[in-house]
Protein backbone atom coordinates (compact mmCIF):
# COMPACT_ATOMS: atom_id res chain seq x y z
CA MET A 1 19.61 -5.32 -4.16
CA GLN A 2 19.34 -2.47 -1.73
CA GLU A 3 22.37 -0.26 -1.38
CA ALA A 4 23.57 0.95 2.01
CA VAL A 5 22.96 4.60 2.78
CA ALA A 6 25.22 7.03 4.59
CA GLN A 7 22.79 7.75 7.41
CA ASN A 8 23.77 10.27 10.08
CA TRP A 9 23.40 9.92 13.84
CA PHE A 10 19.99 11.59 13.79
CA ALA A 11 18.61 8.92 11.42
CA THR A 12 19.70 6.21 13.85
CA LEU A 13 18.30 8.20 16.77
CA ALA A 14 14.93 8.58 15.03
CA LEU A 15 14.70 4.81 14.52
CA LEU A 16 15.61 4.12 18.14
CA ALA A 17 13.18 6.75 19.44
CA TRP A 18 10.09 5.56 17.57
CA PRO A 19 9.19 2.76 20.03
CA PHE A 20 9.10 5.38 22.80
CA VAL A 21 6.82 7.55 20.66
CA ALA A 22 4.59 4.50 20.19
CA LEU A 23 4.60 3.82 23.93
CA TRP A 24 3.44 7.38 24.57
CA LEU A 25 0.67 6.96 21.99
CA TYR A 26 -0.58 3.74 23.56
CA ARG A 27 -0.53 5.30 27.01
CA THR A 28 -2.47 8.42 25.98
CA ARG A 29 -4.76 7.32 23.13
CA PRO A 30 -7.24 4.48 22.49
CA VAL A 31 -5.55 1.40 21.06
CA ASN A 32 -7.01 1.85 17.56
CA GLN A 33 -5.82 5.46 17.28
CA ALA A 34 -2.42 4.59 18.75
CA THR A 35 -1.98 1.78 16.22
CA LEU A 36 -2.97 3.99 13.28
CA TRP A 37 -0.58 6.78 14.24
CA THR A 38 2.26 4.39 15.13
CA ILE A 39 2.17 2.77 11.69
CA LEU A 40 1.35 5.86 9.62
CA GLY A 41 3.60 8.19 11.59
CA GLY A 42 6.58 5.86 11.19
CA TYR A 43 5.89 5.53 7.47
CA LEU A 44 5.71 9.30 6.97
CA LEU A 45 8.48 10.49 9.30
CA LEU A 46 11.24 7.88 9.66
CA PRO A 47 14.22 7.89 7.27
CA VAL A 48 14.11 5.94 4.01
CA GLY A 49 16.71 3.19 3.65
CA ALA A 50 18.27 3.75 7.08
CA SER A 51 18.45 0.69 9.31
CA ILE A 52 19.90 -0.85 12.43
CA LYS A 53 21.41 -4.31 12.02
CA LEU A 54 21.57 -6.32 15.23
CA ALA A 55 22.98 -9.61 13.96
CA GLU A 56 23.30 -11.77 10.86
CA GLY A 57 20.09 -13.58 9.98
CA ILE A 58 17.90 -11.07 11.82
CA PRO A 59 16.08 -8.70 9.46
CA GLN A 60 17.24 -5.11 9.73
CA LEU A 61 15.26 -2.68 11.85
CA ASP A 62 13.98 0.14 9.66
CA LYS A 63 10.94 2.33 8.99
CA VAL A 64 8.91 -0.78 8.13
CA SER A 65 9.84 -3.16 10.93
CA ILE A 66 10.28 -0.76 13.89
CA PRO A 67 6.72 0.73 13.78
CA ALA A 68 5.28 -2.76 13.22
CA LEU A 69 7.11 -4.22 16.22
CA ALA A 70 6.27 -1.18 18.35
CA ALA A 71 2.59 -1.52 17.45
CA LEU A 72 2.72 -5.26 18.16
CA ALA A 73 4.08 -4.60 21.66
CA GLY A 74 1.52 -1.86 22.24
CA CYS A 75 -1.38 -4.05 21.11
CA PHE A 76 -0.31 -6.92 23.37
CA LEU A 77 -0.06 -4.53 26.30
CA CYS A 78 -3.51 -3.08 25.63
CA THR A 79 -5.61 -5.92 24.23
CA LYS A 80 -3.98 -9.12 25.57
CA HIS A 81 -5.84 -11.22 22.98
CA LEU A 82 -4.40 -10.17 19.63
CA ARG A 83 -4.97 -12.93 17.11
CA PHE A 84 -3.44 -13.48 13.69
CA LEU A 85 -6.02 -15.77 12.08
CA ASN A 86 -9.81 -15.61 11.85
CA GLY A 87 -10.89 -19.19 11.35
CA PHE A 88 -9.51 -20.78 8.21
CA GLY A 89 -10.68 -19.54 4.83
CA LEU A 90 -9.30 -18.13 1.62
CA ALA A 91 -7.69 -15.21 3.44
CA GLU A 92 -5.77 -17.60 5.70
CA VAL A 93 -4.66 -19.68 2.70
CA LEU A 94 -3.27 -16.56 1.03
CA LEU A 95 -1.62 -15.46 4.27
CA LEU A 96 0.12 -18.82 4.62
CA MET A 97 1.24 -18.66 0.99
CA PHE A 98 2.59 -15.16 1.64
CA LEU A 99 4.54 -16.25 4.72
CA ILE A 100 5.67 -19.78 3.84
CA GLY A 101 6.28 -19.24 0.12
CA PRO A 102 9.70 -17.59 0.62
CA PHE A 103 10.94 -20.67 2.49
CA VAL A 104 9.93 -22.93 -0.41
CA THR A 105 11.56 -20.47 -2.81
CA SER A 106 14.81 -20.68 -0.86
CA ALA A 107 14.71 -24.48 -0.80
CA LEU A 108 14.37 -24.54 -4.60
CA ASN A 109 17.17 -22.04 -5.19
CA ASN A 110 20.14 -23.67 -3.48
CA ASP A 111 22.18 -23.54 -6.69
CA PRO A 112 24.51 -20.66 -7.64
CA VAL A 113 23.47 -18.90 -10.84
CA VAL A 114 25.79 -17.50 -13.51
CA SER A 115 24.27 -14.55 -15.36
CA GLY A 116 26.62 -12.89 -17.81
CA ALA A 117 29.82 -12.22 -15.88
CA VAL A 118 28.07 -12.38 -12.50
CA LEU A 119 28.02 -15.32 -10.12
CA LEU A 120 24.87 -15.04 -7.98
CA PRO A 121 24.95 -16.89 -4.65
CA ALA A 122 22.67 -19.76 -3.75
CA VAL A 123 19.72 -19.15 -1.44
CA GLY A 124 19.47 -21.56 1.47
CA SER A 125 17.04 -22.29 4.27
CA TYR A 126 18.80 -19.67 6.41
CA ASP A 127 17.86 -17.00 3.88
CA GLY A 128 14.38 -18.47 3.63
CA LEU A 129 13.82 -18.09 7.36
CA SER A 130 15.06 -14.50 7.22
CA ALA A 131 12.67 -13.81 4.32
CA ILE A 132 9.73 -15.24 6.29
CA ILE A 133 10.48 -12.96 9.24
CA GLY A 134 10.72 -10.00 6.87
CA GLN A 135 7.39 -10.89 5.25
CA LEU A 136 5.72 -11.22 8.65
CA LEU A 137 6.99 -7.84 9.83
CA PHE A 138 5.75 -6.26 6.59
CA LEU A 139 2.33 -7.87 7.01
CA LEU A 140 1.80 -7.17 10.74
CA PRO A 141 -0.26 -4.00 10.11
CA PHE A 142 -2.73 -6.13 8.13
CA PHE A 143 -3.51 -8.16 11.26
CA PHE A 144 -3.85 -4.99 13.36
CA GLY A 145 -6.38 -3.49 10.97
CA ARG A 146 -8.32 -6.75 10.63
CA GLN A 147 -8.84 -7.12 14.37
CA LEU A 148 -8.77 -3.61 15.85
CA LEU A 149 -10.57 -1.58 13.18
CA SER A 150 -13.33 -3.92 12.06
CA ASN A 151 -16.33 -1.90 13.28
CA SER A 152 -17.88 1.17 11.69
CA ALA A 153 -16.00 3.47 14.06
CA GLY A 154 -12.73 1.76 13.13
CA ILE A 155 -13.05 2.27 9.39
CA GLU A 156 -14.07 5.89 9.95
CA GLU A 157 -11.10 6.42 12.27
CA ALA A 158 -8.71 4.95 9.68
CA LEU A 159 -9.92 7.35 6.99
CA ARG A 160 -9.94 10.28 9.42
CA THR A 161 -6.32 9.54 10.38
CA LEU A 162 -5.40 9.44 6.70
CA ILE A 163 -6.97 12.87 6.12
CA LEU A 164 -5.39 14.45 9.19
CA ALA A 165 -2.00 13.06 8.22
CA GLY A 166 -2.49 14.46 4.71
CA LEU A 167 -3.28 17.89 6.14
CA LEU A 168 -0.21 17.86 8.38
CA TYR A 169 2.04 16.49 5.62
CA SER A 170 0.81 19.16 3.21
CA LEU A 171 2.86 21.78 5.07
CA PRO A 172 6.32 20.26 4.42
CA MET A 173 5.11 19.31 0.94
CA LEU A 174 4.31 22.96 0.20
CA PHE A 175 7.76 23.90 1.51
CA GLU A 176 9.47 21.42 -0.83
CA ILE A 177 7.35 22.46 -3.79
CA ARG A 178 8.82 25.93 -3.35
CA MET A 179 12.32 25.19 -2.01
CA SER A 180 13.02 21.71 -3.54
CA PRO A 181 12.94 18.31 -1.76
CA GLN A 182 15.64 18.89 0.85
CA LEU A 183 14.08 17.94 4.20
CA HIS A 184 15.25 14.33 4.18
CA HIS A 185 18.78 15.43 3.32
CA TRP A 186 18.83 18.19 5.94
CA LEU A 187 17.50 15.98 8.72
CA TYR A 188 18.93 12.54 7.94
CA GLY A 189 22.03 13.42 5.93
CA TYR A 190 21.31 11.90 2.51
CA TYR A 191 18.92 11.88 -0.44
CA PRO A 192 16.92 8.62 -0.78
CA PHE A 193 16.45 9.33 -4.51
CA GLY A 194 18.14 10.89 -7.51
CA PHE A 195 17.54 14.61 -7.01
CA ALA A 196 17.12 15.26 -10.75
CA THR A 197 14.12 12.91 -10.87
CA GLN A 198 12.17 15.27 -8.61
CA VAL A 199 12.52 18.26 -10.94
CA ARG A 200 9.31 18.76 -12.92
CA GLN A 201 8.16 21.52 -15.29
CA GLY A 202 10.46 24.17 -13.90
CA GLY A 203 9.56 23.29 -10.31
CA PHE A 204 9.87 20.43 -7.85
CA ARG A 205 7.92 17.38 -6.81
CA PRO A 206 7.95 17.02 -3.00
CA SER A 207 8.97 13.80 -1.29
CA VAL A 208 9.47 14.90 2.37
CA PHE A 209 10.45 11.65 4.18
CA LEU A 210 9.15 9.13 1.63
CA GLU A 211 11.02 7.21 -1.08
CA ASN A 212 10.36 9.75 -3.83
CA GLY A 213 7.85 12.26 -5.11
CA LEU A 214 5.66 9.61 -6.73
CA VAL A 215 5.08 7.89 -3.40
CA ALA A 216 4.43 11.18 -1.59
CA THR A 217 1.88 12.40 -4.12
CA PHE A 218 0.17 9.01 -4.19
CA PHE A 219 -0.23 9.20 -0.43
CA LEU A 220 -1.69 12.69 -0.76
CA MET A 221 -4.13 11.45 -3.40
CA THR A 222 -5.46 8.75 -1.05
CA ALA A 223 -5.99 11.39 1.63
CA ILE A 224 -8.07 13.43 -0.83
CA VAL A 225 -10.21 10.40 -1.70
CA ALA A 226 -10.83 9.86 2.01
CA ALA A 227 -11.70 13.56 2.40
CA ALA A 228 -14.22 13.25 -0.44
CA ALA A 229 -15.90 10.41 1.46
CA PHE A 230 -16.17 12.61 4.57
CA TRP A 231 -17.58 15.39 2.41
CA ARG A 232 -20.13 12.96 0.93
CA SER A 233 -21.23 11.77 4.37
CA ARG A 234 -21.22 15.32 5.82
CA THR A 235 -18.75 14.25 8.48
CA ARG A 236 -16.36 16.93 9.69
CA VAL A 237 -12.65 16.17 9.80
CA VAL A 238 -11.75 19.44 11.51
CA GLN A 239 -14.30 21.51 13.37
CA LYS A 240 -15.23 24.90 11.87
CA LEU A 241 -14.01 23.83 8.42
CA PRO A 242 -16.71 23.50 5.72
CA HIS A 243 -17.14 19.98 4.39
CA PRO A 244 -15.59 20.61 0.93
CA ALA A 245 -12.70 22.75 2.27
CA VAL A 246 -10.34 19.86 3.05
CA THR A 247 -10.89 18.17 -0.31
CA VAL A 248 -10.40 21.39 -2.26
CA TYR A 249 -7.29 22.40 -0.28
CA LEU A 250 -5.56 19.02 -0.64
CA GLY A 251 -6.63 18.84 -4.30
CA GLY A 252 -4.89 22.14 -4.98
CA ILE A 253 -1.67 20.82 -3.47
CA LEU A 254 -1.95 17.64 -5.55
CA ILE A 255 -2.01 19.78 -8.69
CA LEU A 256 1.09 21.65 -7.51
CA CYS A 257 2.92 18.33 -7.00
CA LYS A 258 3.15 17.82 -10.79
CA SER A 259 2.62 14.06 -10.68
CA LEU A 260 0.45 12.98 -13.61
CA GLY A 261 -0.31 9.48 -12.33
CA ALA A 262 -1.59 10.57 -8.91
CA LEU A 263 -3.50 13.44 -10.51
CA VAL A 264 -5.27 11.06 -12.92
CA TYR A 265 -6.17 8.73 -10.04
CA GLY A 266 -7.58 11.66 -8.09
CA VAL A 267 -9.54 13.11 -11.01
CA LEU A 268 -11.21 9.74 -11.56
CA ALA A 269 -11.71 8.65 -7.94
CA ILE A 270 -12.84 11.86 -6.23
CA PRO A 271 -16.02 12.36 -8.35
CA LEU A 272 -16.82 8.66 -7.90
CA VAL A 273 -16.62 8.89 -4.12
CA ARG A 274 -18.45 12.20 -4.03
CA LEU A 275 -21.28 11.44 -6.46
CA ALA A 276 -21.56 7.75 -7.41
CA ARG A 277 -23.43 5.11 -5.45
CA PRO A 278 -21.17 2.96 -3.23
CA ARG A 279 -22.26 -0.10 -5.18
CA LEU A 280 -20.88 1.40 -8.40
CA GLN A 281 -17.67 2.36 -6.59
CA LEU A 282 -17.19 -1.21 -5.46
CA ARG A 283 -17.89 -2.61 -8.91
CA ILE A 284 -15.21 -0.36 -10.36
CA ALA A 285 -12.88 -1.34 -7.52
CA MET A 286 -13.41 -5.02 -8.35
CA ILE A 287 -12.61 -4.40 -12.02
CA LEU A 288 -9.38 -2.58 -11.11
CA ALA A 289 -8.36 -5.26 -8.60
CA THR A 290 -9.06 -8.05 -11.12
CA PHE A 291 -6.97 -6.32 -13.78
CA ALA A 292 -4.04 -5.80 -11.41
CA ALA A 293 -4.13 -9.39 -10.14
CA SER A 294 -4.31 -10.69 -13.74
CA TYR A 295 -1.61 -8.41 -15.15
CA PRO A 296 1.25 -10.97 -15.47
CA LEU A 297 -1.08 -13.37 -17.28
CA LEU A 298 -2.36 -10.59 -19.56
CA ARG A 299 1.19 -9.45 -20.37
CA THR A 300 2.30 -13.00 -21.06
CA ALA A 301 -0.65 -13.52 -23.43
CA ASP A 302 0.04 -10.13 -25.04
CA LEU A 303 -3.46 -8.93 -24.14
CA VAL A 304 -2.35 -5.58 -22.73
CA PRO A 305 -2.53 -2.99 -25.58
CA THR A 306 0.97 -1.65 -24.98
CA ASN A 307 1.39 -0.21 -28.49
CA TYR A 308 -1.88 1.69 -28.23
CA MET A 309 -0.93 3.01 -24.80
CA VAL A 310 2.43 4.24 -26.06
CA GLU A 311 0.84 6.01 -29.02
CA ALA A 312 -1.78 7.57 -26.76
CA ALA A 313 1.01 8.85 -24.50
CA ARG A 314 2.76 10.33 -27.52
CA TYR A 315 -0.08 12.81 -27.97
CA GLY A 316 0.98 14.37 -24.71
CA SER A 317 4.75 14.09 -24.99
CA ASP A 318 7.33 12.12 -26.94
CA ASP A 319 9.43 11.82 -23.80
CA ARG A 320 6.53 10.32 -21.88
CA ALA A 321 5.81 7.86 -24.70
CA ASP A 322 9.47 6.83 -24.89
CA SER A 323 9.54 6.36 -21.12
CA LEU A 324 6.45 4.16 -21.30
CA GLN A 325 7.94 2.08 -24.11
CA PHE A 326 11.15 1.70 -22.10
CA ARG A 327 9.10 0.46 -19.14
CA PHE A 328 7.18 -2.07 -21.26
CA ASP A 329 10.40 -3.39 -22.81
CA HIS A 330 11.91 -4.03 -19.39
CA GLU A 331 8.69 -5.61 -18.17
CA LYS A 332 8.97 -8.11 -21.01
CA GLN A 333 12.58 -8.76 -20.11
CA MET A 334 11.71 -9.42 -16.47
CA LEU A 335 8.77 -11.64 -17.45
CA ASP A 336 11.06 -13.77 -19.59
CA ARG A 337 13.47 -14.12 -16.68
CA ALA A 338 10.69 -14.92 -14.18
CA SER A 339 9.18 -17.54 -16.51
CA GLN A 340 12.29 -19.70 -16.09
CA ARG A 341 11.27 -20.36 -12.47
CA ILE A 342 7.67 -19.31 -12.62
CA MET A 343 6.16 -21.13 -9.63
CA PHE A 344 8.32 -19.95 -6.71
CA GLY A 345 10.72 -17.51 -8.33
CA TRP A 346 14.47 -16.95 -8.07
CA GLY A 347 14.74 -15.82 -4.48
CA ARG A 348 16.66 -12.82 -3.22
CA TRP A 349 20.21 -11.50 -3.78
CA GLY A 350 19.38 -10.16 -7.22
CA ARG A 351 18.95 -13.62 -8.77
CA SER A 352 15.77 -12.56 -10.59
CA ARG A 353 17.47 -9.65 -12.34
CA VAL A 354 19.08 -9.57 -15.79
CA TYR A 355 22.79 -8.88 -16.35
CA ASP A 356 24.76 -8.18 -19.49
CA ASP A 357 27.97 -9.92 -20.60
CA TRP A 358 30.07 -7.52 -18.51
CA GLY A 359 28.14 -8.17 -15.32
CA ASN A 360 26.14 -4.95 -15.33
CA ASP A 361 22.60 -5.09 -13.96
CA ILE A 362 20.41 -3.95 -16.85
CA SER A 363 17.07 -4.59 -15.14
CA VAL A 364 14.57 -1.84 -14.42
CA THR A 365 11.99 -3.07 -11.93
CA ASP A 366 9.87 -0.14 -10.87
CA GLY A 367 6.68 -2.19 -10.58
CA ARG A 368 5.98 -4.12 -7.41
CA TRP A 369 4.39 -6.92 -9.43
CA ALA A 370 7.62 -7.55 -11.36
CA ILE A 371 9.72 -7.56 -8.19
CA THR A 372 7.40 -10.01 -6.42
CA LEU A 373 6.98 -12.27 -9.45
CA GLY A 374 10.72 -12.46 -10.02
CA GLN A 375 11.65 -13.16 -6.41
CA PHE A 376 8.79 -15.39 -5.25
CA GLY A 377 7.14 -16.56 -8.47
CA ILE A 378 3.47 -16.81 -9.29
CA VAL A 379 2.74 -18.24 -5.82
CA GLY A 380 4.18 -15.16 -4.14
CA PHE A 381 2.46 -12.83 -6.59
CA LEU A 382 -0.95 -14.46 -6.09
CA ALA A 383 -0.51 -14.40 -2.31
CA GLU A 384 0.28 -10.68 -2.26
CA PHE A 385 -2.03 -9.34 -4.96
CA GLY A 386 -4.69 -11.96 -4.24
CA LEU A 387 -4.88 -10.91 -0.60
CA LEU A 388 -5.30 -7.25 -1.57
CA ALA A 389 -7.94 -8.13 -4.17
CA LEU A 390 -9.78 -10.38 -1.69
CA THR A 391 -10.40 -7.43 0.64
CA VAL A 392 -12.11 -5.55 -2.20
CA PHE A 393 -14.29 -8.48 -3.23
CA ARG A 394 -15.28 -9.26 0.35
CA ALA A 395 -16.29 -5.61 0.85
CA ALA A 396 -18.45 -5.73 -2.30
CA ARG A 397 -20.25 -8.84 -1.07
CA VAL A 398 -21.28 -7.29 2.25
CA LEU A 399 -22.14 -3.76 1.12
CA LYS A 400 -25.85 -4.57 1.39
CA PHE A 401 -25.35 -5.30 5.09
CA ALA A 402 -23.79 -1.91 5.91
CA GLU A 403 -25.23 -0.49 9.13
CA THR A 404 -25.70 3.07 7.86
CA GLU A 405 -25.31 5.03 4.66
CA ARG A 406 -22.14 6.54 6.08
CA ASP A 407 -20.79 3.06 6.68
CA SER A 408 -21.40 2.14 3.04
CA ILE A 409 -19.78 5.38 1.83
CA PHE A 410 -16.62 4.69 3.83
CA LEU A 411 -16.61 1.05 2.71
CA GLY A 412 -16.75 2.08 -0.96
CA ALA A 413 -14.07 4.77 -0.57
CA LEU A 414 -11.64 2.43 1.20
CA ALA A 415 -12.17 -0.30 -1.41
CA LEU A 416 -11.39 2.23 -4.16
CA ILE A 417 -8.20 3.29 -2.37
CA ILE A 418 -7.01 -0.32 -2.15
CA ALA A 419 -7.92 -1.05 -5.78
CA ILE A 420 -6.16 2.10 -7.06
CA ASN A 421 -3.12 1.15 -5.00
CA MET A 422 -3.11 -2.24 -6.74
CA ILE A 423 -3.15 -0.51 -10.13
CA ASP A 424 -0.30 1.73 -9.01
CA LEU A 425 1.72 -1.37 -8.09
CA LEU A 426 2.00 -2.15 -11.81
CA PRO A 427 4.22 0.83 -12.71
CA ASN A 428 5.48 1.60 -9.18
CA ALA A 429 6.40 -0.08 -5.89
CA SER A 430 4.00 1.91 -3.71
CA LEU A 431 3.01 -0.96 -1.39
CA SER A 432 3.61 0.11 2.20
CA PRO A 433 2.74 -1.03 5.75
CA TRP A 434 0.03 1.65 5.72
CA THR A 435 -1.56 -0.01 2.67
CA TRP A 436 -1.61 -3.31 4.54
CA LEU A 437 -3.22 -1.64 7.55
CA LEU A 438 -5.99 -0.23 5.34
CA ALA A 439 -6.43 -3.59 3.59
CA GLY A 440 -6.74 -5.36 6.94
CA THR A 441 -9.28 -2.76 8.05
CA LEU A 442 -11.36 -3.33 4.91
CA LEU A 443 -11.28 -7.11 5.30
CA GLY A 444 -12.04 -6.90 9.02
CA ARG A 445 -15.04 -4.65 8.39
CA ALA A 446 -16.34 -6.97 5.67
CA GLU A 447 -15.99 -10.01 7.94
CA ALA A 448 -17.71 -8.19 10.82
CA LEU A 449 -20.67 -7.23 8.63
CA ARG A 450 -20.93 -10.75 7.28
CA GLY A 451 -20.79 -12.17 10.80
CA THR A 452 -23.56 -9.84 11.97
CA ALA A 453 -25.68 -10.79 8.97
CA ARG A 454 -25.31 -14.48 9.79
CA GLN A 455 -26.09 -13.82 13.43
CA PHE A 456 -29.43 -12.29 12.48
CA GLY A 457 -30.09 -14.88 9.78
CA VAL A 458 -29.94 -12.42 6.88
CA GLY A 459 -29.51 -14.02 3.46
CA HIS A 460 -28.39 -12.65 0.15
CA GLY A 461 -31.98 -12.08 -0.86
CA ALA A 462 -32.90 -9.79 2.03
CA PRO A 463 -30.46 -6.91 2.15
CA GLY A 464 -32.72 -4.67 4.23
CA ALA A 465 -33.43 -7.19 6.96
CA LEU A 466 -30.23 -6.52 8.83
CA LEU A 467 -30.99 -2.83 9.18
CA GLN A 468 -34.48 -3.65 10.46
CA SER A 469 -33.18 -6.29 12.86
CA THR A 470 -30.47 -4.13 14.37
CA SER A 471 -32.59 -0.94 14.38
CA VAL A 472 -29.65 1.20 13.28
CA PRO A 473 -30.96 4.42 11.68
CA LEU A 474 -29.67 5.54 8.32
CA ASN A 475 -27.79 8.80 8.09
CA LYS A 476 -30.38 10.85 6.24
CA THR A 477 -27.98 13.71 5.60
CA SER A 478 -25.79 11.71 3.23
CA ARG A 479 -26.40 10.71 -0.37
CA THR A 480 -26.15 7.25 -1.83
């Protein structure tokens, strides 16, 4: 259950002002750029946890919903024909599961639950409708990316925006590395995290205006992966900067952030994007996505080598190993609780959490998978993780139809970013509207390539025919 924050007047003003910022973007920039900066800018700059509540039953307006609604209004003003479905296939089935599942969950959880000394309220259809609206607002960026960024220029623009945002965000991150994570407190009046958790190795892990340092460094890591793709394709992000300069600069800041998880992701992903063939990148992305989507089943069957992982962590630090063991123990606890209502979950209001005999909440749910599984059951988990995994698999199927080498490089890099994000959702809750925008972009590009292949009658056995039919030259300066 989310606790209220003591937001100051400037936090409320920032939330109210963002639609006007979005309006300016849509009036001055192309619709795809305006959408990217509206969603990403709101995610990076608006206050964490602050909200505006208009009425009971209406989801709160916050850094997730306000940019999404502002982008929705901007897209309708600019495009007039924004659509939410593309035919009816597996993606649409998962989308309907994602949106309708919470209503079914609420209908099946109309009984109060006693857990220890706590009486947890029933969840009715009223709460189910509120949950559906919240899910839709969270998922809106996915539809924007799927429709507006589905061509080769769109996927390149999405990655370019990610890199530019990483470069701009690196400046306050450097400040907080030196001076401690204070910007959110100074500007919005409160810390969105426990300050002590951001102290690392005699220094600080920056968070700027994100939930914590882990989320901020993960975002930076994705920007570096995108920069490596631009380096690989010899595409300049900023004029007069050498191709490797952006990757090296952001990589240095990632090291200074002192976040082991993001650093490991970067060390593994950057060489892949820079040197490996896009087909290999997509195969690895599929393996990662499959593992993430299968994780609850693997944990239930005791097929995840948790003991080995803890002992491996102990070589680095006893504290890190103990922390990992603590996490695995609580995962097991949450799995046991979720298994009691495995199909559609327990619903909201903390019903999926575990309480002791004195009514204290003893659950630790850092992982997004555990939160989703507990609240919305296996149906909700498969809808969310299945939709993310589907974008990766669809991209792998159409790689042979990529228009240029640069197109295939960007396709592979974006699929890796989505797959790594899925892996990070196991220990952390790093799923954001920006992730959904990138996932929609990946799926939209895959569907566009598949549609073009069908238009020209290209089958699975003739991967080069599309390039010959469309007469699009390969970018000879890039490597495959």
